[in-house]
């Protein structure tokens, strides 16, 4: 499952490179006030597969160094695990997130395609069936102003899917 997800993500990114434009605004892909939703399928770390998704609201931004903006927000995630040995096949989580858009850097011409890549991390809680500290991390490659291919990993699973930004 992991190999198939990596191949699919690679193919979608390569296909997007041929007509890649810069979709960032002020060096950011997810600006304050942005809302995004994602859905995908994944691997539950060797115990089966899952279907999940989530939503995020970007609250604000701040600059690191001179001109490197980071955006931060709050996110919710939900997953339904199949083949997992847990008594509760439902996972729910709430996270604080931090985003970095590679388009904020002054990249050489050969790396301009990275302008549409948003990397993020998140820390929060997972309630399934107890309350646990959890983390997420991933990247989204924007194929258009609002649509991205999303690859995300957390403590319980990894997932490939799509993200839509409103």
C-alpha atoms as a PDB file:
ATOM      1  CA  UNK A   1       0.000   0.000   0.000  1.00  0.00           C
ATOM      2  CA  UNK A   2       2.799   2.426   0.863  1.00  0.00           C
ATOM      3  CA  UNK A   3       4.609   1.762  -2.423  1.00  0.00           C
ATOM      4  CA  UNK A   4       1.441   2.304  -4.425  1.00  0.00           C
ATOM      5  CA  UNK A   5       0.775   5.572  -2.588  1.00  0.00           C
ATOM      6  CA  UNK A   6       4.297   6.846  -3.246  1.00  0.00           C
ATOM      7  CA  UNK A   7       4.096   5.919  -6.949  1.00  0.00           C
ATOM      8  CA  UNK A   8       0.696   7.622  -7.287  1.00  0.00           C
ATOM      9  CA  UNK A   9       1.905  10.781  -5.574  1.00  0.00           C
ATOM     10  CA  UNK A  10       5.030  10.846  -7.751  1.00  0.00           C
ATOM     11  CA  UNK A  11       3.008  10.462 -10.952  1.00  0.00           C
ATOM     12  CA  UNK A  12       0.576  13.190  -9.974  1.00  0.00           C
ATOM     13  CA  UNK A  13       3.389  15.573  -9.046  1.00  0.00           C
ATOM     14  CA  UNK A  14       5.274  14.900 -12.282  1.00  0.00           C
ATOM     15  CA  UNK A  15       2.084  15.402 -14.290  1.00  0.00           C
ATOM     16  CA  UNK A  16       1.521  18.721 -12.544  1.00  0.00           C
ATOM     17  CA  UNK A  17       5.066  19.902 -13.224  1.00  0.00           C
ATOM     18  CA  UNK A  18       4.475  20.191 -16.942  1.00  0.00           C
ATOM     19  CA  UNK A  19       2.023  23.058 -16.485  1.00  0.00           C
ATOM     20  CA  UNK A  20       2.946  24.260 -13.013  1.00  0.00           C
ATOM     21  CA  UNK A  21       2.212  27.875 -12.245  1.00  0.00           C
ATOM     22  CA  UNK A  22       2.874  29.692  -9.013  1.00  0.00           C
ATOM     23  CA  UNK A  23      -0.321  29.467  -6.947  1.00  0.00           C
ATOM     24  CA  UNK A  24       1.136  31.089  -3.836  1.00  0.00           C
ATOM     25  CA  UNK A  25       0.035  34.507  -2.635  1.00  0.00           C
ATOM     26  CA  UNK A  26       2.561  36.590  -0.688  1.00  0.00           C
ATOM     27  CA  UNK A  27       4.779  33.507  -0.427  1.00  0.00           C
ATOM     28  CA  UNK A  28       1.973  31.405   1.073  1.00  0.00           C
ATOM     29  CA  UNK A  29      -0.433  28.775  -0.235  1.00  0.00           C
ATOM     30  CA  UNK A  30      -2.625  28.708   2.879  1.00  0.00           C
ATOM     31  CA  UNK A  31      -3.277  32.274   4.008  1.00  0.00           C
ATOM     32  CA  UNK A  32      -5.033  33.418   7.191  1.00  0.00           C
ATOM     33  CA  UNK A  33      -8.742  32.805   6.795  1.00  0.00           C
ATOM     34  CA  UNK A  34      -8.255  29.823   4.457  1.00  0.00           C
ATOM     35  CA  UNK A  35     -10.304  26.704   5.080  1.00  0.00           C
ATOM     36  CA  UNK A  36      -9.256  23.396   3.571  1.00  0.00           C
ATOM     37  CA  UNK A  37     -10.669  19.890   3.613  1.00  0.00           C
ATOM     38  CA  UNK A  38      -8.929  16.639   2.720  1.00  0.00           C
ATOM     39  CA  UNK A  39      -9.884  13.010   2.162  1.00  0.00           C
ATOM     40  CA  UNK A  40      -7.736   9.998   1.458  1.00  0.00           C
ATOM     41  CA  UNK A  41      -6.946   6.335   1.907  1.00  0.00           C
ATOM     42  CA  UNK A  42      -4.022   4.973   3.817  1.00  0.00           C
ATOM     43  CA  UNK A  43      -2.143   2.342   5.709  1.00  0.00           C
ATOM     44  CA  UNK A  44      -2.724   1.819   9.425  1.00  0.00           C
ATOM     45  CA  UNK A  45       0.950   1.072  10.105  1.00  0.00           C
ATOM     46  CA  UNK A  46       0.783  -2.570   9.025  1.00  0.00           C
ATOM     47  CA  UNK A  47      -2.561  -3.512  10.594  1.00  0.00           C
ATOM     48  CA  UNK A  48      -4.855  -2.794   7.678  1.00  0.00           C
ATOM     49  CA  UNK A  49      -6.028   0.257   5.793  1.00  0.00           C
ATOM     50  CA  UNK A  50      -8.076   3.307   6.614  1.00  0.00           C
ATOM     51  CA  UNK A  51     -10.249   5.954   5.047  1.00  0.00           C
ATOM     52  CA  UNK A  52     -10.032   9.377   6.560  1.00  0.00           C
ATOM     53  CA  UNK A  53     -10.122  13.081   6.175  1.00  0.00           C
ATOM     54  CA  UNK A  54     -10.232  16.343   7.958  1.00  0.00           C
ATOM     55  CA  UNK A  55     -10.581  20.073   7.874  1.00  0.00           C
ATOM     56  CA  UNK A  56      -8.371  22.983   8.841  1.00  0.00           C
ATOM     57  CA  UNK A  57      -8.786  26.673   9.468  1.00  0.00           C
ATOM     58  CA  UNK A  58      -5.715  28.903   9.084  1.00  0.00           C
ATOM     59  CA  UNK A  59      -5.736  31.469  11.881  1.00  0.00           C
ATOM     60  CA  UNK A  60      -2.727  33.663  11.164  1.00  0.00           C
ATOM     61  CA  UNK A  61       0.869  34.029  10.061  1.00  0.00           C
ATOM     62  CA  UNK A  62       4.225  35.243  11.273  1.00  0.00           C
ATOM     63  CA  UNK A  63       7.628  35.754   9.674  1.00  0.00           C
ATOM     64  CA  UNK A  64      10.806  33.916  10.543  1.00  0.00           C
ATOM     65  CA  UNK A  65      14.131  35.446   9.541  1.00  0.00           C
ATOM     66  CA  UNK A  66      13.489  38.298   7.131  1.00  0.00           C
ATOM     67  CA  UNK A  67      10.913  37.109   4.586  1.00  0.00           C
ATOM     68  CA  UNK A  68       9.922  33.534   5.437  1.00  0.00           C
ATOM     69  CA  UNK A  69       6.224  33.443   6.378  1.00  0.00           C
ATOM     70  CA  UNK A  70       4.745  30.583   8.380  1.00  0.00           C
ATOM     71  CA  UNK A  71       1.015  30.140   8.803  1.00  0.00           C
ATOM     72  CA  UNK A  72      -0.677  28.462  11.757  1.00  0.00           C
ATOM     73  CA  UNK A  73      -4.106  27.042  12.322  1.00  0.00           C
ATOM     74  CA  UNK A  74      -6.327  24.433  13.902  1.00  0.00           C
ATOM     75  CA  UNK A  75      -7.244  21.112  12.318  1.00  0.00           C
ATOM     76  CA  UNK A  76      -9.550  18.166  12.948  1.00  0.00           C
ATOM     77  CA  UNK A  77      -8.979  14.661  11.593  1.00  0.00           C
ATOM     78  CA  UNK A  78     -11.169  11.553  11.491  1.00  0.00           C
ATOM     79  CA  UNK A  79     -10.398   8.046  10.256  1.00  0.00           C
ATOM     80  CA  UNK A  80     -12.150   4.720   9.971  1.00  0.00           C
ATOM     81  CA  UNK A  81      -9.713   1.800  10.341  1.00  0.00           C
ATOM     82  CA  UNK A  82     -10.293  -1.555   8.639  1.00  0.00           C
ATOM     83  CA  UNK A  83      -8.349  -4.596   9.846  1.00  0.00           C
ATOM     84  CA  UNK A  84      -7.002  -2.733  12.864  1.00  0.00           C
ATOM     85  CA  UNK A  85      -6.872  -4.804  16.068  1.00  0.00           C
ATOM     86  CA  UNK A  86      -8.248  -2.021  18.217  1.00  0.00           C
ATOM     87  CA  UNK A  87     -11.696  -2.339  19.794  1.00  0.00           C
ATOM     88  CA  UNK A  88     -12.650   1.051  18.344  1.00  0.00           C
ATOM     89  CA  UNK A  89     -12.117   1.401  14.564  1.00  0.00           C
ATOM     90  CA  UNK A  90     -12.803   5.153  14.650  1.00  0.00           C
ATOM     91  CA  UNK A  91     -10.061   7.725  15.178  1.00  0.00           C
ATOM     92  CA  UNK A  92     -10.676  11.403  15.937  1.00  0.00           C
ATOM     93  CA  UNK A  93      -8.089  14.094  16.517  1.00  0.00           C
ATOM     94  CA  UNK A  94      -7.662  17.826  17.048  1.00  0.00           C
ATOM     95  CA  UNK A  95      -4.388  19.590  16.225  1.00  0.00           C
ATOM     96  CA  UNK A  96      -2.587  22.873  16.163  1.00  0.00           C
ATOM     97  CA  UNK A  97      -0.750  23.181  12.824  1.00  0.00           C
ATOM     98  CA  UNK A  98       2.185  25.068  11.345  1.00  0.00           C
ATOM     99  CA  UNK A  99       2.662  25.482   7.550  1.00  0.00           C
ATOM    100  CA  UNK A 100       5.620  26.406   5.379  1.00  0.00           C
ATOM    101  CA  UNK A 101       5.338  27.164   1.653  1.00  0.00           C
ATOM    102  CA  UNK A 102       8.482  26.503  -0.359  1.00  0.00           C
ATOM    103  CA  UNK A 103       7.497  29.360  -2.681  1.00  0.00           C
ATOM    104  CA  UNK A 104       8.605  31.800   0.015  1.00  0.00           C
ATOM    105  CA  UNK A 105      12.244  30.955  -0.734  1.00  0.00           C
ATOM    106  CA  UNK A 106      14.253  32.456  -3.578  1.00  0.00           C
ATOM    107  CA  UNK A 107      14.697  29.175  -5.440  1.00  0.00           C
ATOM    108  CA  UNK A 108      16.880  28.601  -8.502  1.00  0.00           C
ATOM    109  CA  UNK A 109      15.065  28.242 -11.836  1.00  0.00           C
ATOM    110  CA  UNK A 110      15.344  24.436 -11.801  1.00  0.00           C
ATOM    111  CA  UNK A 111      13.485  24.227  -8.492  1.00  0.00           C
ATOM    112  CA  UNK A 112      10.665  26.697  -9.229  1.00  0.00           C
ATOM    113  CA  UNK A 113       8.174  23.816  -9.267  1.00  0.00           C
ATOM    114  CA  UNK A 114       8.560  23.673  -5.466  1.00  0.00           C
ATOM    115  CA  UNK A 115       6.618  26.962  -5.217  1.00  0.00           C
ATOM    116  CA  UNK A 116       3.404  24.938  -5.059  1.00  0.00           C
ATOM    117  CA  UNK A 117       4.535  22.662  -2.210  1.00  0.00           C
ATOM    118  CA  UNK A 118       3.174  23.291   1.275  1.00  0.00           C
ATOM    119  CA  UNK A 119       4.765  21.359   4.164  1.00  0.00           C
ATOM    120  CA  UNK A 120       3.154  21.160   7.576  1.00  0.00           C
ATOM    121  CA  UNK A 121       3.324  19.661  11.043  1.00  0.00           C
ATOM    122  CA  UNK A 122       0.714  19.412  13.750  1.00  0.00           C
ATOM    123  CA  UNK A 123       0.533  18.458  17.402  1.00  0.00           C
ATOM    124  CA  UNK A 124      -2.619  17.623  19.308  1.00  0.00           C
ATOM    125  CA  UNK A 125      -4.765  14.915  20.831  1.00  0.00           C
ATOM    126  CA  UNK A 126      -6.269  11.705  19.473  1.00  0.00           C
ATOM    127  CA  UNK A 127      -9.405  10.304  21.102  1.00  0.00           C
ATOM    128  CA  UNK A 128      -9.636   6.676  20.040  1.00  0.00           C
ATOM    129  CA  UNK A 129     -10.532   4.951  22.457  1.00  0.00           C
ATOM    130  CA  UNK A 130      -8.488   6.828  25.055  1.00  0.00           C
ATOM    131  CA  UNK A 131      -6.953  10.283  24.903  1.00  0.00           C
ATOM    132  CA  UNK A 132      -3.442  10.312  23.432  1.00  0.00           C
ATOM    133  CA  UNK A 133      -0.944  12.922  22.355  1.00  0.00           C
ATOM    134  CA  UNK A 134      -0.711  12.662  18.588  1.00  0.00           C
ATOM    135  CA  UNK A 135       1.110  14.333  15.742  1.00  0.00           C
ATOM    136  CA  UNK A 136       0.644  14.747  12.017  1.00  0.00           C
ATOM    137  CA  UNK A 137       2.968  15.881   9.287  1.00  0.00           C
ATOM    138  CA  UNK A 138       2.756  16.046   5.559  1.00  0.00           C
ATOM    139  CA  UNK A 139       2.870  17.978   2.366  1.00  0.00           C
ATOM    140  CA  UNK A 140       0.390  19.171  -0.225  1.00  0.00           C
ATOM    141  CA  UNK A 141       1.331  19.836  -3.835  1.00  0.00           C
ATOM    142  CA  UNK A 142      -1.101  22.303  -5.408  1.00  0.00           C
ATOM    143  CA  UNK A 143      -2.142  21.426  -8.963  1.00  0.00           C
ATOM    144  CA  UNK A 144      -4.365  24.507  -9.157  1.00  0.00           C
ATOM    145  CA  UNK A 145      -5.253  27.448  -6.935  1.00  0.00           C
ATOM    146  CA  UNK A 146      -7.597  25.285  -4.842  1.00  0.00           C
ATOM    147  CA  UNK A 147      -6.778  21.585  -5.506  1.00  0.00           C
ATOM    148  CA  UNK A 148      -3.783  19.687  -4.137  1.00  0.00           C
ATOM    149  CA  UNK A 149      -2.464  16.153  -3.817  1.00  0.00           C
ATOM    150  CA  UNK A 150      -1.923  15.484  -0.118  1.00  0.00           C
ATOM    151  CA  UNK A 151       0.404  13.033   1.646  1.00  0.00           C
ATOM    152  CA  UNK A 152       0.110  12.866   5.436  1.00  0.00           C
ATOM    153  CA  UNK A 153       1.488  10.686   8.215  1.00  0.00           C
ATOM    154  CA  UNK A 154       0.682  10.472  11.892  1.00  0.00           C
ATOM    155  CA  UNK A 155       1.275   8.151  14.807  1.00  0.00           C
ATOM    156  CA  UNK A 156      -1.403   5.626  13.765  1.00  0.00           C
ATOM    157  CA  UNK A 157      -1.424   5.858   9.964  1.00  0.00           C
ATOM    158  CA  UNK A 158      -0.217   7.360   6.717  1.00  0.00           C
ATOM    159  CA  UNK A 159      -2.557   8.543   3.981  1.00  0.00           C
ATOM    160  CA  UNK A 160      -2.595   9.819   0.406  1.00  0.00           C
ATOM    161  CA  UNK A 161      -5.487  11.854  -0.890  1.00  0.00           C
ATOM    162  CA  UNK A 162      -6.685  15.168  -2.178  1.00  0.00           C
ATOM    163  CA  UNK A 163      -7.070  18.545  -0.504  1.00  0.00           C
ATOM    164  CA  UNK A 164      -9.445  21.290  -1.514  1.00  0.00           C
ATOM    165  CA  UNK A 165      -8.933  24.881  -0.315  1.00  0.00           C
ATOM    166  CA  UNK A 166     -11.893  27.254  -0.032  1.00  0.00           C
END
